[in-house]
């Protein structure tokens, strides 16, 4: 899934065209149509590439994947977070957190999750499970008052 991770990297650097191009390439090369983690990251790459309709199509693909419902809840919440639809994201995350889905571990600290976890309700869920949040939130995120790495009080 090298093309997917490259697309995510370009997206996190703000290069929307490259993010969208590599997301499309990764989707064409996807060897496992039932890989929910792949679909979740693909949806994020499409969002980073300013391709929200493609991310919504990926949401529909997740529904038809043959994966565990609690894992799918975390992955679906992740894409809704990237779409900025935090009420829906929180609904799915709540289920994933209640089921102790392994997808919440990724949400707690991976840089590609900065946007999906930027809602204060998500941050609270992460804290309630005892996970430290080790990544700063994106500047200008929905949480309001989010910080960039240079705004950290530790510097």
Protein backbone atom coordinates (compact mmCIF):
# COMPACT_ATOMS: atom_id res chain seq x y z
CA UNK A 1 0.00 0.00 0.00
CA UNK A 2 2.92 2.33 -0.69
CA UNK A 3 0.86 4.56 -2.98
CA UNK A 4 -1.72 5.03 -0.24
CA UNK A 5 0.82 6.02 2.41
CA UNK A 6 2.50 8.38 -0.08
CA UNK A 7 -0.90 9.92 -0.82
CA UNK A 8 -1.51 10.42 2.88
CA UNK A 9 1.91 12.01 3.30
CA UNK A 10 1.27 14.41 0.41
CA UNK A 11 -2.14 15.17 1.86
CA UNK A 12 -0.69 15.99 5.27
CA UNK A 13 1.71 18.36 3.51
CA UNK A 14 -1.26 20.08 1.83
CA UNK A 15 -0.60 18.78 -1.68
CA UNK A 16 -4.19 17.92 -2.57
CA UNK A 17 -3.63 16.94 -6.20
CA UNK A 18 -0.95 14.39 -5.32
CA UNK A 19 -3.05 13.03 -2.44
CA UNK A 20 -6.03 12.46 -4.73
CA UNK A 21 -3.89 11.00 -7.53
CA UNK A 22 -2.15 8.53 -5.25
CA UNK A 23 -5.39 7.58 -3.49
CA UNK A 24 -6.87 6.68 -6.86
CA UNK A 25 -3.76 4.68 -7.78
CA UNK A 26 -3.83 2.86 -4.44
CA UNK A 27 -7.49 1.99 -4.88
CA UNK A 28 -6.79 0.50 -8.30
CA UNK A 29 -4.04 -1.66 -6.81
CA UNK A 30 -5.98 -2.76 -3.70
CA UNK A 31 -5.47 -6.51 -3.44
CA UNK A 32 -8.02 -7.03 -0.65
CA UNK A 33 -11.48 -5.48 -1.05
CA UNK A 34 -12.39 -6.53 2.51
CA UNK A 35 -9.54 -4.63 4.18
CA UNK A 36 -11.36 -2.05 6.29
CA UNK A 37 -8.18 -0.32 7.45
CA UNK A 38 -7.19 0.20 3.82
CA UNK A 39 -10.62 1.69 3.08
CA UNK A 40 -10.48 4.00 6.10
CA UNK A 41 -7.08 5.35 5.08
CA UNK A 42 -8.21 5.58 1.47
CA UNK A 43 -11.19 7.68 2.54
CA UNK A 44 -8.83 9.96 4.47
CA UNK A 45 -6.53 10.32 1.46
CA UNK A 46 -9.49 11.27 -0.70
CA UNK A 47 -10.55 13.87 1.89
CA UNK A 48 -7.01 15.26 1.95
CA UNK A 49 -7.21 15.41 -1.83
CA UNK A 50 -10.43 17.47 -1.63
CA UNK A 51 -12.42 14.54 -3.02
CA UNK A 52 -15.27 14.26 -0.50
CA UNK A 53 -17.57 12.41 -2.96
CA UNK A 54 -14.91 9.70 -3.31
CA UNK A 55 -14.60 9.46 0.47
CA UNK A 56 -18.37 9.01 0.71
CA UNK A 57 -18.17 6.24 -1.88
CA UNK A 58 -15.55 4.56 0.32
CA UNK A 59 -17.95 4.82 3.27
CA UNK A 60 -20.45 2.80 1.22
CA UNK A 61 -17.70 0.25 0.44
CA UNK A 62 -17.04 -0.17 4.16
CA UNK A 63 -20.68 -1.13 4.66
CA UNK A 64 -20.32 -4.00 2.21
CA UNK A 65 -16.93 -5.21 3.47
CA UNK A 66 -16.84 -8.53 5.23
CA UNK A 67 -15.28 -7.10 8.38
CA UNK A 68 -16.21 -7.07 12.06
CA UNK A 69 -18.81 -4.44 12.95
CA UNK A 70 -16.83 -2.91 15.82
CA UNK A 71 -13.75 -2.52 13.61
CA UNK A 72 -15.95 -1.03 10.90
CA UNK A 73 -17.38 1.42 13.44
CA UNK A 74 -13.91 2.83 14.15
CA UNK A 75 -13.08 3.01 10.45
CA UNK A 76 -16.39 4.66 9.57
CA UNK A 77 -15.99 7.18 12.38
CA UNK A 78 -12.49 7.94 11.10
CA UNK A 79 -13.77 8.86 7.62
CA UNK A 80 -16.63 10.93 9.04
CA UNK A 81 -14.01 12.75 11.14
CA UNK A 82 -12.04 13.54 8.01
CA UNK A 83 -15.22 14.78 6.36
CA UNK A 84 -15.72 17.09 9.35
CA UNK A 85 -19.01 15.41 10.26
CA UNK A 86 -18.19 15.03 13.93
CA UNK A 87 -21.67 14.15 15.19
CA UNK A 88 -21.64 11.09 12.93
CA UNK A 89 -18.01 10.36 13.76
CA UNK A 90 -18.73 10.44 17.49
CA UNK A 91 -21.68 8.09 17.04
CA UNK A 92 -19.47 5.48 15.38
CA UNK A 93 -16.52 6.09 17.70
CA UNK A 94 -18.78 5.58 20.71
CA UNK A 95 -19.58 2.11 19.50
CA UNK A 96 -15.94 1.34 18.72
CA UNK A 97 -14.84 2.56 22.14
CA UNK A 98 -17.60 0.58 23.90
CA UNK A 99 -16.53 -2.56 22.02
CA UNK A 100 -12.84 -1.85 22.76
CA UNK A 101 -12.10 -2.01 19.04
CA UNK A 102 -8.39 -2.02 18.22
CA UNK A 103 -9.07 0.85 15.78
CA UNK A 104 -9.18 3.27 18.69
CA UNK A 105 -5.49 2.66 19.42
CA UNK A 106 -4.64 4.10 16.02
CA UNK A 107 -7.00 7.03 16.63
CA UNK A 108 -5.30 7.97 19.89
CA UNK A 109 -1.91 8.93 18.53
CA UNK A 110 -1.24 8.48 14.82
CA UNK A 111 -0.59 11.73 12.91
CA UNK A 112 -3.05 10.78 10.17
CA UNK A 113 -5.73 10.87 12.88
CA UNK A 114 -5.15 14.48 13.96
CA UNK A 115 -8.25 15.69 12.11
CA UNK A 116 -10.63 12.84 13.09
CA UNK A 117 -9.77 13.19 16.78
CA UNK A 118 -9.90 17.00 16.87
CA UNK A 119 -13.43 17.09 18.29
CA UNK A 120 -13.40 17.48 22.09
CA UNK A 121 -15.85 14.58 22.49
CA UNK A 122 -13.40 12.25 20.76
CA UNK A 123 -10.54 13.53 22.91
CA UNK A 124 -12.61 12.78 26.01
CA UNK A 125 -13.32 9.21 24.85
CA UNK A 126 -9.61 8.65 24.30
CA UNK A 127 -8.78 10.00 27.76
CA UNK A 128 -11.49 7.88 29.42
CA UNK A 129 -9.78 4.75 28.13
CA UNK A 130 -6.50 5.95 29.59
CA UNK A 131 -4.70 6.54 26.31
CA UNK A 132 -2.35 9.49 26.17
CA UNK A 133 -2.87 11.72 23.17
CA UNK A 134 0.62 12.15 21.84
CA UNK A 135 -0.03 14.16 18.68
CA UNK A 136 -1.08 17.80 18.48
CA UNK A 137 -4.35 18.62 16.78
CA UNK A 138 -4.42 20.39 13.45
CA UNK A 139 -4.50 24.18 13.45
CA UNK A 140 -7.99 25.46 12.67
CA UNK A 141 -9.67 22.16 13.46
CA UNK A 142 -13.27 21.83 14.60
CA UNK A 143 -12.18 21.59 18.23
CA UNK A 144 -11.35 25.27 18.37
CA UNK A 145 -8.17 26.36 20.04
CA UNK A 146 -6.27 23.45 18.53
CA UNK A 147 -2.54 23.80 18.51
CA UNK A 148 0.22 23.14 16.06
CA UNK A 149 3.49 21.49 17.09
CA UNK A 150 5.12 24.92 17.42
CA UNK A 151 2.41 26.10 19.83
CA UNK A 152 3.23 23.38 22.36
CA UNK A 153 3.83 24.63 25.90
CA UNK A 154 6.85 22.33 26.03
CA UNK A 155 8.83 24.51 23.61
